[in-house]
N, C-alpha and C. Protein backbone atom coordinates (compact mmCIF):
# COMPACT_ATOMS: atom_id res chain seq x y z
N MET A 1 -15.37 24.91 14.20
CA MET A 1 -14.67 24.05 13.26
C MET A 1 -13.23 24.20 13.57
N ASN A 2 -12.48 23.08 13.42
CA ASN A 2 -11.11 23.08 13.61
C ASN A 2 -10.44 23.06 12.28
N ILE A 3 -10.09 24.25 11.81
CA ILE A 3 -9.59 24.47 10.48
C ILE A 3 -8.27 23.69 10.34
N GLY A 4 -7.37 23.76 11.22
CA GLY A 4 -5.97 23.13 11.15
C GLY A 4 -6.23 21.49 10.87
N GLU A 5 -7.03 21.04 11.76
CA GLU A 5 -7.34 19.49 11.57
C GLU A 5 -7.80 19.11 10.31
N LYS A 6 -8.94 20.01 9.79
CA LYS A 6 -9.61 19.69 8.57
C LYS A 6 -8.60 19.75 7.32
N ILE A 7 -7.66 20.78 7.50
CA ILE A 7 -6.62 21.02 6.44
C ILE A 7 -5.69 19.65 6.45
N LYS A 8 -5.36 19.30 7.63
CA LYS A 8 -4.48 18.01 7.84
C LYS A 8 -5.21 16.83 7.19
N GLN A 9 -6.42 16.59 7.52
CA GLN A 9 -7.20 15.48 6.98
C GLN A 9 -7.18 15.54 5.48
N LEU A 10 -7.35 16.76 4.81
CA LEU A 10 -7.59 16.81 3.40
C LEU A 10 -6.06 16.60 2.82
N ARG A 11 -5.05 17.01 3.45
CA ARG A 11 -3.73 16.78 2.98
C ARG A 11 -3.42 15.27 3.04
N ILE A 12 -3.67 14.67 4.15
CA ILE A 12 -3.58 13.14 4.11
C ILE A 12 -4.37 12.49 3.19
N LYS A 13 -5.59 12.79 2.96
CA LYS A 13 -6.42 12.17 2.03
C LYS A 13 -5.87 12.33 0.65
N ASN A 14 -5.23 13.40 0.43
CA ASN A 14 -4.65 13.59 -1.03
C ASN A 14 -3.22 13.09 -1.08
N GLY A 15 -2.85 12.35 -0.01
CA GLY A 15 -1.51 11.65 -0.11
C GLY A 15 -0.26 12.66 -0.12
N LEU A 16 -0.49 13.78 0.51
CA LEU A 16 0.63 14.73 0.42
C LEU A 16 1.27 14.85 1.80
N THR A 17 2.55 15.10 1.80
CA THR A 17 3.36 15.49 3.05
C THR A 17 3.09 17.08 3.21
N GLN A 18 3.52 17.41 4.55
CA GLN A 18 3.44 18.83 4.75
C GLN A 18 4.43 19.55 3.84
N GLU A 19 5.51 19.01 3.57
CA GLU A 19 6.50 19.62 2.67
C GLU A 19 5.96 19.77 1.22
N GLU A 20 5.26 18.77 0.75
CA GLU A 20 4.70 18.75 -0.56
C GLU A 20 3.56 19.83 -0.66
N LEU A 21 2.78 19.97 0.38
CA LEU A 21 1.69 20.89 0.27
C LEU A 21 2.29 22.28 0.38
N ALA A 22 3.30 22.44 1.24
CA ALA A 22 3.91 23.76 1.41
C ALA A 22 4.46 24.12 0.01
N GLY A 23 5.21 23.27 -0.73
CA GLY A 23 5.77 23.51 -1.93
C GLY A 23 4.73 23.95 -3.05
N ARG A 24 3.65 23.31 -3.10
CA ARG A 24 2.54 23.63 -4.06
C ARG A 24 2.05 25.00 -3.75
N CYS A 25 2.03 25.53 -2.50
CA CYS A 25 1.50 26.71 -2.10
C CYS A 25 2.58 27.82 -1.91
N GLU A 26 3.77 27.61 -2.15
CA GLU A 26 4.94 28.44 -1.93
C GLU A 26 4.86 28.95 -0.42
N LEU A 27 4.69 28.03 0.45
CA LEU A 27 4.82 28.39 1.93
C LEU A 27 5.89 27.54 2.42
N SER A 28 6.17 27.72 3.73
CA SER A 28 7.19 26.81 4.42
C SER A 28 6.53 25.67 5.08
N LYS A 29 7.21 24.52 5.24
CA LYS A 29 6.71 23.40 5.91
C LYS A 29 6.29 23.61 7.25
N GLY A 30 7.09 24.62 7.98
CA GLY A 30 6.80 25.01 9.40
C GLY A 30 5.38 25.71 9.46
N PHE A 31 5.16 26.56 8.49
CA PHE A 31 3.90 27.27 8.41
C PHE A 31 2.76 26.20 8.32
N ILE A 32 2.85 25.19 7.43
CA ILE A 32 1.73 24.27 7.27
C ILE A 32 1.68 23.43 8.66
N SER A 33 2.76 23.19 9.29
CA SER A 33 2.74 22.32 10.51
C SER A 33 2.03 23.22 11.54
N GLN A 34 2.42 24.42 11.74
CA GLN A 34 1.72 25.37 12.68
C GLN A 34 0.27 25.54 12.38
N LEU A 35 -0.14 25.69 11.14
CA LEU A 35 -1.49 25.80 10.67
C LEU A 35 -2.27 24.49 11.18
N GLU A 36 -1.69 23.26 10.85
CA GLU A 36 -2.47 22.07 11.22
C GLU A 36 -2.57 21.98 12.67
N ARG A 37 -1.74 22.46 13.53
CA ARG A 37 -1.78 22.41 14.98
C ARG A 37 -2.51 23.72 15.49
N ASN A 38 -3.09 24.45 14.60
CA ASN A 38 -3.82 25.61 15.12
C ASN A 38 -3.07 26.69 15.80
N LEU A 39 -1.71 26.69 15.59
CA LEU A 39 -0.86 27.68 16.21
C LEU A 39 -0.73 28.97 15.38
N THR A 40 -1.23 28.92 14.14
CA THR A 40 -1.32 30.19 13.40
C THR A 40 -2.58 30.08 12.50
N SER A 41 -3.07 31.26 11.87
CA SER A 41 -4.11 31.28 11.15
C SER A 41 -3.72 31.86 9.79
N PRO A 42 -4.20 31.31 8.70
CA PRO A 42 -3.94 31.79 7.34
C PRO A 42 -4.77 33.03 7.00
N SER A 43 -4.21 33.87 6.11
CA SER A 43 -4.99 34.85 5.51
C SER A 43 -6.11 34.16 4.61
N ILE A 44 -7.13 34.92 4.27
CA ILE A 44 -8.06 34.37 3.24
C ILE A 44 -7.42 33.88 1.97
N ALA A 45 -6.54 34.75 1.48
CA ALA A 45 -5.86 34.42 0.25
C ALA A 45 -4.98 33.11 0.30
N THR A 46 -4.24 33.08 1.41
CA THR A 46 -3.42 31.79 1.71
C THR A 46 -4.31 30.60 1.89
N LEU A 47 -5.38 30.72 2.59
CA LEU A 47 -6.38 29.58 2.72
C LEU A 47 -6.91 29.34 1.47
N MET A 48 -7.28 30.15 0.60
CA MET A 48 -7.86 29.78 -0.79
C MET A 48 -6.76 29.03 -1.67
N ASN A 49 -5.52 29.48 -1.56
CA ASN A 49 -4.38 28.95 -2.29
C ASN A 49 -4.21 27.44 -1.72
N ILE A 50 -4.28 27.19 -0.50
CA ILE A 50 -4.06 25.96 0.20
C ILE A 50 -5.16 24.92 -0.23
N LEU A 51 -6.46 25.42 -0.14
CA LEU A 51 -7.66 24.57 -0.42
C LEU A 51 -7.54 24.28 -1.99
N GLU A 52 -7.18 25.25 -2.85
CA GLU A 52 -7.05 24.90 -4.24
C GLU A 52 -6.15 23.74 -4.44
N SER A 53 -4.90 23.77 -3.76
CA SER A 53 -3.86 22.79 -3.95
C SER A 53 -4.46 21.44 -3.36
N LEU A 54 -5.51 21.45 -2.41
CA LEU A 54 -6.07 20.31 -1.93
C LEU A 54 -7.30 19.83 -2.75
N GLY A 55 -7.62 20.52 -3.86
CA GLY A 55 -8.63 20.12 -4.69
C GLY A 55 -10.02 20.57 -4.14
N THR A 56 -10.09 21.63 -3.39
CA THR A 56 -11.44 22.12 -2.83
C THR A 56 -11.44 23.60 -2.77
N ASP A 57 -12.52 24.14 -2.42
CA ASP A 57 -12.59 25.57 -2.25
C ASP A 57 -13.23 25.98 -0.96
N LEU A 58 -13.39 27.35 -0.80
CA LEU A 58 -13.99 27.76 0.57
C LEU A 58 -15.35 27.27 0.90
N LYS A 59 -16.17 27.32 -0.24
CA LYS A 59 -17.53 26.89 0.06
C LYS A 59 -17.61 25.38 0.53
N ASP A 60 -16.93 24.47 -0.08
CA ASP A 60 -16.98 23.06 0.18
C ASP A 60 -16.26 22.80 1.54
N PHE A 61 -15.09 23.60 1.66
CA PHE A 61 -14.31 23.40 2.95
C PHE A 61 -15.18 23.77 4.18
N PHE A 62 -15.92 24.74 4.09
CA PHE A 62 -16.71 25.16 5.34
C PHE A 62 -18.15 24.53 5.25
N ASN A 63 -18.50 23.81 4.24
CA ASN A 63 -19.82 23.14 4.23
C ASN A 63 -19.77 21.89 5.10
N GLU A 64 -20.46 21.96 6.25
CA GLU A 64 -20.42 20.90 7.25
C GLU A 64 -21.56 19.77 6.94
N THR A 65 -22.39 20.04 5.95
CA THR A 65 -23.42 19.06 5.63
C THR A 65 -22.73 17.89 4.87
N VAL A 66 -23.17 16.71 5.25
CA VAL A 66 -22.63 15.48 4.61
C VAL A 66 -23.75 14.79 3.77
N ASN A 67 -23.65 14.89 2.47
CA ASN A 67 -24.73 14.27 1.55
C ASN A 67 -24.25 12.88 1.31
N GLU A 68 -23.89 12.16 2.29
CA GLU A 68 -23.34 10.79 1.99
C GLU A 68 -24.52 9.81 1.94
N LYS A 69 -24.62 8.94 0.80
CA LYS A 69 -25.62 7.97 0.83
C LYS A 69 -25.60 6.97 1.81
N VAL A 70 -26.68 6.50 2.43
CA VAL A 70 -26.66 5.58 3.55
C VAL A 70 -27.38 4.31 3.12
N VAL A 71 -28.46 4.44 2.31
CA VAL A 71 -29.36 3.32 2.02
C VAL A 71 -29.12 3.03 0.38
N PHE A 72 -28.78 1.85 0.13
CA PHE A 72 -28.51 1.50 -1.40
C PHE A 72 -29.70 0.61 -1.76
N LYS A 73 -30.42 0.89 -2.81
CA LYS A 73 -31.58 0.17 -3.25
C LYS A 73 -31.11 -0.79 -4.42
N LYS A 74 -32.06 -1.72 -4.72
CA LYS A 74 -31.87 -2.69 -5.74
C LYS A 74 -31.32 -2.04 -7.03
N ASP A 75 -31.83 -0.80 -7.40
CA ASP A 75 -31.36 -0.25 -8.64
C ASP A 75 -29.93 0.24 -8.58
N ASP A 76 -29.33 0.27 -7.37
CA ASP A 76 -27.91 0.81 -7.17
C ASP A 76 -27.00 -0.40 -7.43
N VAL A 77 -27.46 -1.67 -7.37
CA VAL A 77 -26.72 -2.84 -7.39
C VAL A 77 -26.16 -3.13 -8.92
N PHE A 78 -24.82 -3.38 -8.94
CA PHE A 78 -24.15 -3.76 -10.29
C PHE A 78 -23.96 -5.13 -10.32
N VAL A 79 -24.28 -5.86 -11.36
CA VAL A 79 -24.07 -7.29 -11.41
C VAL A 79 -23.18 -7.78 -12.54
N LYS A 80 -22.28 -8.51 -12.25
CA LYS A 80 -21.40 -9.16 -13.18
C LYS A 80 -21.62 -10.73 -13.13
N GLU A 81 -21.75 -11.29 -14.25
CA GLU A 81 -21.91 -12.85 -14.34
C GLU A 81 -20.90 -13.43 -15.19
N ASP A 82 -20.23 -14.47 -14.75
CA ASP A 82 -19.21 -15.12 -15.50
C ASP A 82 -19.65 -16.58 -15.55
N ARG A 83 -20.39 -16.96 -16.55
CA ARG A 83 -20.85 -18.34 -16.76
C ARG A 83 -19.83 -19.33 -16.82
N ASP A 84 -18.57 -18.98 -17.35
CA ASP A 84 -17.55 -20.01 -17.62
C ASP A 84 -17.07 -20.42 -16.35
N SER A 85 -16.88 -19.49 -15.31
CA SER A 85 -16.38 -19.84 -13.99
C SER A 85 -17.47 -20.12 -13.05
N GLY A 86 -18.74 -19.98 -13.49
CA GLY A 86 -19.94 -20.34 -12.56
C GLY A 86 -20.10 -19.36 -11.40
N PHE A 87 -19.96 -18.12 -11.62
CA PHE A 87 -20.25 -17.11 -10.49
C PHE A 87 -20.94 -15.86 -11.00
N GLU A 88 -21.50 -15.26 -10.14
CA GLU A 88 -22.12 -14.00 -10.17
C GLU A 88 -21.78 -13.10 -8.99
N ILE A 89 -21.37 -11.89 -9.40
CA ILE A 89 -21.05 -10.88 -8.26
C ILE A 89 -21.95 -9.82 -8.39
N ARG A 90 -22.62 -9.40 -7.10
CA ARG A 90 -23.36 -8.27 -6.96
C ARG A 90 -22.67 -7.25 -6.09
N TRP A 91 -22.35 -6.08 -6.64
CA TRP A 91 -21.73 -5.04 -5.87
C TRP A 91 -22.91 -4.20 -5.16
N LEU A 92 -23.00 -4.43 -3.79
CA LEU A 92 -24.05 -3.96 -3.06
C LEU A 92 -24.08 -2.46 -2.81
N VAL A 93 -22.91 -1.85 -2.89
CA VAL A 93 -22.88 -0.43 -2.55
C VAL A 93 -22.14 0.24 -3.75
N SER A 94 -22.86 1.16 -4.42
CA SER A 94 -22.35 1.73 -5.66
C SER A 94 -21.15 2.60 -5.21
N ASN A 95 -20.12 2.67 -6.08
CA ASN A 95 -18.90 3.50 -5.83
C ASN A 95 -18.11 3.09 -4.63
N ALA A 96 -18.22 1.90 -4.19
CA ALA A 96 -17.57 1.30 -2.98
C ALA A 96 -16.09 1.46 -3.07
N GLN A 97 -15.48 1.50 -4.25
CA GLN A 97 -14.09 1.58 -4.46
C GLN A 97 -13.50 2.82 -3.79
N LYS A 98 -14.29 3.87 -3.57
CA LYS A 98 -13.77 5.13 -2.86
C LYS A 98 -13.90 4.93 -1.33
N ASN A 99 -14.40 3.93 -0.78
CA ASN A 99 -14.53 3.55 0.53
C ASN A 99 -13.49 2.73 1.12
N MET A 100 -13.48 2.62 2.39
CA MET A 100 -12.51 1.74 3.05
C MET A 100 -12.76 0.26 2.87
N MET A 101 -13.97 -0.09 2.60
CA MET A 101 -14.38 -1.47 2.36
C MET A 101 -15.45 -1.58 1.23
N GLU A 102 -15.42 -2.88 0.68
CA GLU A 102 -16.30 -3.14 -0.49
C GLU A 102 -17.08 -4.29 -0.22
N PRO A 103 -18.42 -4.27 0.01
CA PRO A 103 -19.11 -5.49 0.25
C PRO A 103 -19.77 -5.96 -1.17
N ILE A 104 -19.67 -7.30 -1.33
CA ILE A 104 -20.26 -7.82 -2.59
C ILE A 104 -21.17 -9.26 -2.03
N LEU A 105 -21.94 -9.56 -2.91
CA LEU A 105 -22.63 -10.82 -2.72
C LEU A 105 -22.30 -11.69 -3.94
N ILE A 106 -21.68 -12.85 -3.66
CA ILE A 106 -21.18 -13.65 -4.73
C ILE A 106 -22.00 -14.99 -4.74
N THR A 107 -22.44 -15.31 -5.77
CA THR A 107 -23.36 -16.56 -5.95
C THR A 107 -22.40 -17.49 -6.93
N LEU A 108 -22.19 -18.70 -6.33
CA LEU A 108 -21.41 -19.70 -7.06
C LEU A 108 -22.23 -20.90 -7.39
N SER A 109 -22.23 -21.32 -8.59
CA SER A 109 -23.06 -22.54 -9.07
C SER A 109 -22.17 -23.71 -8.53
N PRO A 110 -22.71 -25.03 -8.51
CA PRO A 110 -22.03 -26.12 -8.00
C PRO A 110 -20.64 -26.19 -8.95
N SER A 111 -19.47 -26.42 -8.28
CA SER A 111 -18.11 -26.32 -8.75
C SER A 111 -17.66 -24.92 -9.26
N GLY A 112 -18.45 -23.92 -9.20
CA GLY A 112 -18.12 -22.57 -9.45
C GLY A 112 -16.98 -21.98 -8.71
N SER A 113 -16.30 -21.02 -9.08
CA SER A 113 -15.21 -20.42 -8.31
C SER A 113 -15.10 -18.92 -8.66
N SER A 114 -14.60 -18.13 -7.72
CA SER A 114 -14.41 -16.71 -7.96
C SER A 114 -13.03 -16.66 -8.65
N ASP A 115 -12.64 -15.63 -9.27
CA ASP A 115 -11.48 -15.46 -9.85
C ASP A 115 -10.41 -15.55 -8.89
N MET A 116 -9.22 -15.99 -9.18
CA MET A 116 -7.93 -16.08 -8.30
C MET A 116 -7.44 -14.52 -8.17
N ASP A 117 -7.38 -14.18 -6.83
CA ASP A 117 -6.90 -12.87 -6.60
C ASP A 117 -5.48 -12.83 -6.08
N ASN A 118 -4.63 -11.97 -6.41
CA ASN A 118 -3.25 -12.00 -6.10
C ASN A 118 -3.15 -11.41 -4.68
N PRO A 119 -2.04 -11.63 -3.97
CA PRO A 119 -1.90 -11.03 -2.61
C PRO A 119 -1.94 -9.61 -2.71
N HIS A 120 -2.36 -8.92 -1.62
CA HIS A 120 -2.49 -7.42 -1.61
C HIS A 120 -2.69 -7.03 -0.16
N GLU A 121 -2.53 -5.77 0.03
CA GLU A 121 -2.72 -5.23 1.43
C GLU A 121 -4.12 -5.35 1.84
N GLY A 122 -4.48 -5.36 3.07
CA GLY A 122 -5.88 -5.35 3.53
C GLY A 122 -6.28 -6.55 4.22
N GLU A 123 -7.60 -6.79 4.36
CA GLU A 123 -8.34 -7.91 4.90
C GLU A 123 -9.52 -8.37 4.05
N GLU A 124 -9.91 -9.58 4.24
CA GLU A 124 -10.95 -10.15 3.53
C GLU A 124 -11.90 -10.80 4.54
N PHE A 125 -13.14 -10.64 4.51
CA PHE A 125 -14.17 -11.24 5.45
C PHE A 125 -15.35 -11.80 4.60
N GLY A 126 -15.85 -12.93 4.82
CA GLY A 126 -17.08 -13.45 4.32
C GLY A 126 -17.90 -14.23 5.15
N TYR A 127 -19.25 -14.13 4.78
CA TYR A 127 -20.22 -15.00 5.52
C TYR A 127 -20.94 -15.75 4.53
N VAL A 128 -21.12 -17.07 4.93
CA VAL A 128 -21.78 -18.09 4.00
C VAL A 128 -23.25 -18.00 4.22
N VAL A 129 -23.98 -17.33 3.30
CA VAL A 129 -25.38 -17.24 3.52
C VAL A 129 -26.15 -18.52 3.15
N SER A 130 -25.69 -19.27 2.18
CA SER A 130 -26.21 -20.64 1.98
C SER A 130 -25.18 -21.36 1.09
N GLY A 131 -25.30 -22.73 1.32
CA GLY A 131 -24.35 -23.66 0.57
C GLY A 131 -23.13 -23.78 1.39
N ALA A 132 -22.15 -24.25 0.67
CA ALA A 132 -20.74 -24.57 1.32
C ALA A 132 -19.70 -24.26 0.36
N ILE A 133 -18.56 -23.63 0.93
CA ILE A 133 -17.48 -23.23 -0.01
C ILE A 133 -16.23 -23.75 0.67
N THR A 134 -15.10 -23.61 -0.30
CA THR A 134 -13.70 -23.85 0.06
C THR A 134 -13.04 -22.56 -0.12
N VAL A 135 -12.36 -22.01 0.89
CA VAL A 135 -11.60 -20.80 0.84
C VAL A 135 -10.15 -21.20 0.49
N ASN A 136 -9.58 -21.02 -0.60
CA ASN A 136 -8.22 -21.23 -1.01
C ASN A 136 -7.36 -20.11 -0.70
N LEU A 137 -6.24 -20.25 0.20
CA LEU A 137 -5.38 -19.17 0.50
C LEU A 137 -4.10 -19.79 0.33
N GLY A 138 -3.43 -19.43 -0.69
CA GLY A 138 -2.08 -20.09 -1.02
C GLY A 138 -2.25 -21.55 -1.19
N SER A 139 -1.58 -22.32 -0.54
CA SER A 139 -1.62 -23.88 -0.63
C SER A 139 -2.66 -24.32 0.44
N GLN A 140 -3.27 -23.50 1.32
CA GLN A 140 -4.15 -23.92 2.34
C GLN A 140 -5.52 -23.88 1.82
N LYS A 141 -6.33 -24.87 2.31
CA LYS A 141 -7.78 -24.86 1.94
C LYS A 141 -8.70 -25.00 3.22
N PHE A 142 -9.66 -24.14 3.29
CA PHE A 142 -10.55 -24.05 4.44
C PHE A 142 -12.01 -24.13 4.04
N ARG A 143 -12.76 -24.92 4.66
CA ARG A 143 -14.15 -25.14 4.34
C ARG A 143 -15.00 -24.44 5.19
N ALA A 144 -15.99 -23.85 4.63
CA ALA A 144 -17.02 -23.01 5.38
C ALA A 144 -18.43 -23.26 4.83
N LYS A 145 -19.37 -23.51 5.77
CA LYS A 145 -20.75 -23.84 5.30
C LYS A 145 -21.69 -22.74 5.76
N LYS A 146 -22.98 -22.86 5.39
CA LYS A 146 -24.03 -21.97 5.74
C LYS A 146 -23.94 -21.50 7.25
N GLY A 147 -23.93 -20.18 7.47
CA GLY A 147 -23.82 -19.75 8.87
C GLY A 147 -22.48 -19.56 9.47
N GLU A 148 -21.41 -19.89 8.58
CA GLU A 148 -20.15 -19.77 9.05
C GLU A 148 -19.49 -18.61 8.29
N SER A 149 -18.39 -18.10 8.79
CA SER A 149 -17.69 -17.04 8.12
C SER A 149 -16.23 -17.32 8.03
N PHE A 150 -15.50 -16.44 7.27
CA PHE A 150 -14.10 -16.49 7.15
C PHE A 150 -13.60 -15.04 7.15
N TYR A 151 -12.23 -15.06 7.61
CA TYR A 151 -11.54 -13.77 7.71
C TYR A 151 -10.03 -14.06 7.56
N PHE A 152 -9.35 -13.27 6.75
CA PHE A 152 -7.98 -13.47 6.48
C PHE A 152 -7.28 -12.20 5.94
N LYS A 153 -5.93 -12.19 6.04
CA LYS A 153 -5.26 -11.21 5.45
C LYS A 153 -4.75 -11.75 4.17
N PRO A 154 -4.99 -11.05 3.03
CA PRO A 154 -4.79 -11.73 1.73
C PRO A 154 -3.26 -11.77 1.25
N SER A 155 -2.47 -12.39 2.05
CA SER A 155 -0.98 -12.23 1.76
C SER A 155 -0.50 -13.40 0.83
N ALA A 156 -1.52 -14.19 0.24
CA ALA A 156 -1.15 -15.16 -0.78
C ALA A 156 -2.40 -15.20 -1.77
N PRO A 157 -2.15 -15.75 -2.99
CA PRO A 157 -3.14 -15.89 -3.94
C PRO A 157 -4.43 -16.58 -3.26
N HIS A 158 -5.65 -15.99 -3.58
CA HIS A 158 -6.81 -16.62 -2.88
C HIS A 158 -8.03 -16.55 -3.77
N ASN A 159 -9.02 -17.37 -3.47
CA ASN A 159 -10.25 -17.44 -4.16
C ASN A 159 -11.18 -18.23 -3.33
N ILE A 160 -12.44 -18.39 -3.71
CA ILE A 160 -13.40 -19.32 -3.13
C ILE A 160 -14.02 -20.17 -4.13
N VAL A 161 -14.35 -21.47 -3.80
CA VAL A 161 -14.86 -22.47 -4.73
C VAL A 161 -16.11 -23.05 -4.06
N ASN A 162 -17.15 -23.18 -4.80
CA ASN A 162 -18.26 -23.90 -4.27
C ASN A 162 -17.96 -25.43 -4.02
N ALA A 163 -18.06 -25.77 -2.74
CA ALA A 163 -17.63 -27.13 -2.34
C ALA A 163 -18.71 -28.02 -2.26
N GLY A 164 -19.95 -27.54 -2.61
CA GLY A 164 -21.15 -28.47 -2.52
C GLY A 164 -21.81 -28.73 -3.82
N LYS A 165 -22.99 -29.43 -3.67
CA LYS A 165 -23.75 -29.86 -4.94
C LYS A 165 -24.87 -28.89 -5.21
N SER A 166 -25.05 -27.75 -4.34
CA SER A 166 -26.14 -26.81 -4.73
C SER A 166 -25.42 -25.53 -4.79
N GLU A 167 -26.18 -24.42 -5.16
CA GLU A 167 -25.66 -23.13 -5.33
C GLU A 167 -25.23 -22.61 -3.83
N ALA A 168 -24.16 -21.90 -3.89
CA ALA A 168 -23.52 -21.18 -2.66
C ALA A 168 -23.61 -19.66 -2.72
N VAL A 169 -24.02 -19.03 -1.75
CA VAL A 169 -24.09 -17.50 -1.71
C VAL A 169 -23.20 -17.13 -0.64
N VAL A 170 -22.32 -16.08 -0.75
CA VAL A 170 -21.47 -15.51 0.09
C VAL A 170 -21.45 -14.10 0.19
N LEU A 171 -21.64 -13.43 1.28
CA LEU A 171 -21.55 -11.94 1.46
C LEU A 171 -19.98 -11.85 1.82
N TRP A 172 -19.31 -11.06 0.90
CA TRP A 172 -17.76 -11.02 1.00
C TRP A 172 -17.53 -9.57 1.01
N VAL A 173 -16.61 -9.18 2.09
CA VAL A 173 -16.16 -7.88 2.19
C VAL A 173 -14.69 -7.62 2.21
N SER A 174 -14.18 -6.85 1.22
CA SER A 174 -12.66 -6.68 1.10
C SER A 174 -12.43 -5.24 1.56
N SER A 175 -11.34 -5.15 2.30
CA SER A 175 -10.82 -3.81 2.71
C SER A 175 -9.23 -3.74 2.37
N PRO A 176 -8.84 -2.86 1.55
CA PRO A 176 -9.55 -1.92 0.85
C PRO A 176 -10.28 -2.52 -0.18
N PRO A 177 -11.15 -1.86 -0.99
CA PRO A 177 -11.91 -2.35 -2.22
C PRO A 177 -10.95 -3.03 -3.17
N ASN A 178 -11.34 -4.20 -3.65
CA ASN A 178 -10.48 -4.99 -4.50
C ASN A 178 -11.22 -5.66 -5.59
N PHE A 179 -12.59 -5.72 -5.55
CA PHE A 179 -13.18 -6.48 -6.64
C PHE A 179 -13.40 -5.65 -7.82
């Protein structure tokens, strides 16, 4: 196990600089830097203090088993329906907001639309499973039909609208999670 690299990953995951972590542990920034580069080793007491500051403990830190859910079943799906706007969203991966991307299945009735989303960091991808849609990105409009996909950086207000006379279904993935 690469202890220094694992501490660095936890520090970054927690949004801390080396200096901030050092301050929380009453250590020097140089010590944290050397530790992350495996140039020094901490005492058990110091390691426990660092891990506590990073929201974990020795047991979890050294536990190499990953109990990450891989398959999501029908019971895991969360559904939101908005009859006024004519859409239904199915969150396909439970707790996806903690992941790097969030896949949803959105069903739009004829003339239905998703909520308008404000510009944000990240990327958006969609695949039209059935029907036809219009992707509104700022003042631009792009049409996509069954079997086609869309991809854009959400730098302007955006949403999708059912452009056809029958129901449209879109697999939509947002990174980072945004729905």
